[in-house]
Amino acid sequence: VSTQSTGDEKKPAPKKPPTDAKKAADDDNNNDTDERALPSASSKSREIDFTSVPAALDEAFGRLSDDGAVRPTKIIIGDEWRRSAMRSLLAQVREETIDVEERRRETLRAFDLLDALCKSGALPLQWTELHSVVLNTHHFVRSLIQTLTRDNINPIERAERSLMIIGSLLHAEPAAKIIRPQQIERATLYSPQLFAAVDEDEEDESASDEQQ
């Protein structure tokens, strides 16, 4: 079947260029779509096995600390806790002491509320925080004054070394990246083992660049 066009046929009207207001609305819609398409921050976060942190700390201190002054410490909680609570939004803060049985009931109530909020695990808990406490104690054989006068050791440098080891492990970054650049030279003098690995990596990178 063949068709022929006649002169009486109406041609489609040309499209009018969009106005500035329409362009702005389209841009806003595109931006909203892009924002919705972005992955959540929780998907990019690094997964950490918190149960392995104490063992990893012990291994790091044994490898990077030569004095063995840091030891894991147990947290022993008491039987009586003090609770600060408000009955309503405008009420005054009330403090009360709760015993072991009351603490057990409050724990069950908290887990029931959590179970209801996530519908027994059906809903993901986004934008939430988990606080994990790992306690370590830095011991000195002598008192502070005797450590300075008799052993000729600066306790601040030893404490800073322990903090750099902990920070490097928890943030998965070398010690040179978690302290200020102007402090690297000073820290290298009393803790060279923390920066030895970084120097080796830089030498390997420079060697590979020269070969290329």
Protein backbone atom coordinates (compact mmCIF):
# COMPACT_ATOMS: atom_id res chain seq x y z
CA VAL A 1 0.00 0.00 0.00
CA SER A 2 1.47 3.31 -1.03
CA THR A 3 0.49 6.65 0.40
CA GLN A 4 1.01 10.06 -1.05
CA SER A 5 1.21 13.30 0.83
CA THR A 6 -0.84 16.23 -0.30
CA GLY A 7 -0.17 19.89 0.13
CA ASP A 8 -3.06 20.19 2.56
CA GLU A 9 -1.31 18.10 5.20
CA LYS A 10 -0.26 20.08 8.27
CA LYS A 11 3.37 19.99 9.17
CA PRO A 12 4.23 19.60 12.85
CA ALA A 13 4.91 22.89 14.54
CA PRO A 14 8.55 23.44 15.49
CA LYS A 15 9.35 22.97 19.15
CA LYS A 16 9.79 26.13 21.15
CA PRO A 17 13.11 26.50 22.93
CA PRO A 18 12.76 25.88 26.66
CA THR A 19 12.63 28.92 28.85
CA ASP A 20 15.12 29.63 31.61
CA ALA A 21 12.61 28.62 34.28
CA LYS A 22 12.01 25.27 32.60
CA LYS A 23 15.75 24.70 32.23
CA ALA A 24 16.25 25.36 35.94
CA ALA A 25 13.44 22.95 36.82
CA ASP A 26 14.94 20.26 34.58
CA ASP A 27 18.35 20.78 36.15
CA ASP A 28 16.85 20.42 39.63
CA ASN A 29 15.14 17.19 38.62
CA ASN A 30 18.38 15.83 37.19
CA ASN A 31 20.24 16.77 40.35
CA ASP A 32 17.62 15.05 42.49
CA THR A 33 17.94 11.92 40.37
CA ASP A 34 21.71 11.96 40.67
CA GLU A 35 21.55 12.37 44.43
CA ARG A 36 19.14 9.48 44.75
CA ALA A 37 21.44 7.34 42.61
CA LEU A 38 24.44 7.97 44.83
CA PRO A 39 25.33 5.04 47.09
CA SER A 40 24.89 5.52 50.79
CA ALA A 41 27.85 6.20 53.03
CA SER A 42 27.39 2.88 54.75
CA SER A 43 28.11 0.99 51.52
CA LYS A 44 31.51 2.67 51.24
CA SER A 45 32.48 2.19 54.87
CA ARG A 46 35.21 -0.26 55.67
CA GLU A 47 34.04 -3.40 57.44
CA ILE A 48 35.80 -4.01 60.74
CA ASP A 49 35.72 -7.17 62.84
CA PHE A 50 35.68 -5.65 66.31
CA THR A 51 36.30 -9.02 67.95
CA SER A 52 39.77 -9.14 66.36
CA VAL A 53 40.84 -5.66 67.55
CA PRO A 54 42.33 -6.77 70.92
CA ALA A 55 44.46 -9.48 69.31
CA ALA A 56 45.56 -7.10 66.54
CA LEU A 57 46.56 -4.52 69.16
CA ASP A 58 48.64 -7.07 71.05
CA GLU A 59 50.40 -8.10 67.84
CA ALA A 60 51.09 -4.48 66.87
CA PHE A 61 52.48 -3.58 70.29
CA GLY A 62 54.69 -6.67 70.33
CA ARG A 63 56.07 -5.82 66.90
CA LEU A 64 56.44 -2.04 67.14
CA SER A 65 57.02 -1.36 70.83
CA ASP A 66 60.31 -2.41 72.40
CA ASP A 67 59.46 -1.77 76.05
CA GLY A 68 56.31 -3.91 76.32
CA ALA A 69 54.64 -1.33 78.54
CA VAL A 70 51.12 -1.57 77.11
CA ARG A 71 48.90 -4.34 78.40
CA PRO A 72 45.23 -5.13 77.78
CA THR A 73 42.95 -4.22 80.64
CA LYS A 74 39.65 -5.80 81.63
CA ILE A 75 36.63 -3.61 82.30
CA ILE A 76 34.76 -4.86 85.37
CA ILE A 77 31.44 -3.12 85.82
CA GLY A 78 29.83 -2.62 89.21
CA ASP A 79 26.50 -3.98 90.40
CA GLU A 80 24.89 -0.58 90.86
CA TRP A 81 24.58 1.94 88.06
CA ARG A 82 23.38 5.55 88.14
CA ARG A 83 20.88 6.60 85.49
CA SER A 84 19.98 10.13 84.41
CA ALA A 85 16.59 10.32 82.70
CA MET A 86 13.74 12.71 81.91
CA ARG A 87 10.11 11.68 82.28
CA SER A 88 9.09 14.11 79.55
CA LEU A 89 10.66 16.66 77.26
CA LEU A 90 10.17 19.58 79.67
CA ALA A 91 10.71 17.65 82.87
CA GLN A 92 13.82 17.95 84.99
CA VAL A 93 16.60 15.41 84.81
CA ARG A 94 16.28 12.80 87.53
CA GLU A 95 19.10 10.60 88.75
CA GLU A 96 18.45 7.21 90.27
CA THR A 97 20.36 4.07 91.13
CA ILE A 98 19.47 0.85 89.34
CA ASP A 99 20.47 -2.61 90.48
CA VAL A 100 21.33 -5.72 88.49
CA GLU A 101 17.71 -6.82 87.99
CA GLU A 102 16.60 -3.37 86.83
CA ARG A 103 19.56 -3.20 84.46
CA ARG A 104 18.58 -6.55 82.98
CA ARG A 105 15.01 -5.33 82.37
CA GLU A 106 16.24 -2.11 80.76
CA THR A 107 18.55 -4.11 78.49
CA LEU A 108 15.66 -6.27 77.32
CA ARG A 109 13.54 -3.18 76.71
CA ALA A 110 16.32 -1.63 74.62
CA PHE A 111 16.69 -4.74 72.48
CA ASP A 112 12.90 -4.96 72.04
CA LEU A 113 12.87 -1.36 70.81
CA LEU A 114 15.74 -2.08 68.43
CA ASP A 115 13.94 -5.16 67.13
CA ALA A 116 10.79 -3.11 66.49
CA LEU A 117 12.65 -0.30 64.72
CA CYS A 118 14.38 -2.64 62.26
CA LYS A 119 11.40 -5.05 61.98
CA SER A 120 13.44 -8.00 63.21
CA GLY A 121 16.31 -7.21 60.86
CA ALA A 122 14.22 -6.59 57.73
CA LEU A 123 15.18 -2.90 57.63
CA PRO A 124 18.84 -1.84 57.53
CA LEU A 125 20.02 0.53 60.23
CA GLN A 126 21.63 3.32 58.23
CA TRP A 127 23.35 6.39 59.68
CA THR A 128 23.90 4.65 62.99
CA GLU A 129 27.03 4.43 65.12
CA LEU A 130 28.53 1.57 67.07
CA HIS A 131 30.79 2.47 69.98
CA SER A 132 33.27 -0.23 70.92
CA VAL A 133 35.52 0.24 73.96
CA VAL A 134 38.92 -1.47 74.06
CA LEU A 135 40.95 -0.60 77.14
CA ASN A 136 44.74 -0.70 77.32
CA THR A 137 47.02 0.54 80.11
CA HIS A 138 50.50 1.97 79.64
CA HIS A 139 52.68 0.90 82.57
CA PHE A 140 55.94 2.45 83.70
CA VAL A 141 58.28 0.44 85.90
CA ARG A 142 59.14 3.46 88.00
CA SER A 143 57.30 6.60 88.98
CA LEU A 144 57.14 9.60 86.67
CA ILE A 145 60.02 11.44 88.33
CA GLN A 146 62.21 8.32 88.52
CA THR A 147 61.52 7.57 84.86
CA LEU A 148 62.83 11.02 83.98
CA THR A 149 65.80 11.21 86.35
CA ARG A 150 67.03 7.62 86.77
CA ASP A 151 66.10 6.05 83.44
CA ASN A 152 66.52 9.23 81.39
CA ILE A 153 63.33 8.41 79.47
CA ASN A 154 60.72 10.90 78.34
CA PRO A 155 57.37 9.30 79.24
CA ILE A 156 55.52 11.58 76.82
CA GLU A 157 57.41 10.09 73.88
CA ARG A 158 56.54 6.55 75.01
CA ALA A 159 52.88 7.47 75.43
CA GLU A 160 52.83 9.13 71.99
CA ARG A 161 54.27 5.97 70.46
CA SER A 162 51.47 3.91 71.95
CA LEU A 163 48.88 6.36 70.63
CA MET A 164 50.40 6.26 67.14
CA ILE A 165 50.31 2.45 67.14
CA ILE A 166 46.65 2.43 68.15
CA GLY A 167 45.69 5.13 65.66
CA SER A 168 47.58 3.49 62.82
CA LEU A 169 45.84 0.18 63.46
CA LEU A 170 42.30 1.52 63.86
CA HIS A 171 42.46 3.91 60.88
CA ALA A 172 44.45 1.48 58.68
CA GLU A 173 46.92 4.23 57.85
CA PRO A 174 50.69 4.49 58.42
CA ALA A 175 51.89 6.60 61.31
CA ALA A 176 53.18 9.31 58.97
CA LYS A 177 49.63 10.01 57.78
CA ILE A 178 47.93 10.34 61.15
CA ILE A 179 50.22 12.98 62.66
CA ARG A 180 51.10 16.48 61.57
CA PRO A 181 53.85 16.70 58.95
CA GLN A 182 55.97 18.98 61.13
CA GLN A 183 56.01 16.31 63.86
CA ILE A 184 57.25 13.44 61.68
CA GLU A 185 60.94 14.25 62.09
CA ARG A 186 60.65 14.44 65.88
CA ALA A 187 58.61 11.24 66.11
CA THR A 188 61.06 9.38 63.88
CA LEU A 189 63.88 10.00 66.37
CA TYR A 190 62.28 8.00 69.20
CA SER A 191 60.01 5.70 67.16
CA PRO A 192 61.89 4.85 63.95
CA GLN A 193 60.22 1.44 63.67
CA LEU A 194 56.86 3.10 63.00
CA PHE A 195 58.20 4.90 59.93
CA ALA A 196 60.52 2.21 58.56
CA ALA A 197 57.74 0.52 56.59
CA VAL A 198 56.71 3.82 55.01
CA ASP A 199 60.30 4.53 53.91
CA GLU A 200 60.56 1.08 52.31
CA ASP A 201 57.32 1.61 50.40
CA GLU A 202 58.56 4.98 49.13
CA GLU A 203 61.84 3.42 47.98
CA ASP A 204 59.96 0.68 46.13
CA GLU A 205 57.76 3.25 44.41
CA SER A 206 60.73 5.41 43.38
CA ALA A 207 62.56 2.32 42.03
CA SER A 208 59.55 1.30 39.99
CA ASP A 209 59.23 4.83 38.60
CA GLU A 210 62.89 4.84 37.56
CA GLN A 211 62.48 1.51 35.78
CA GLN A 212 59.50 2.83 33.86
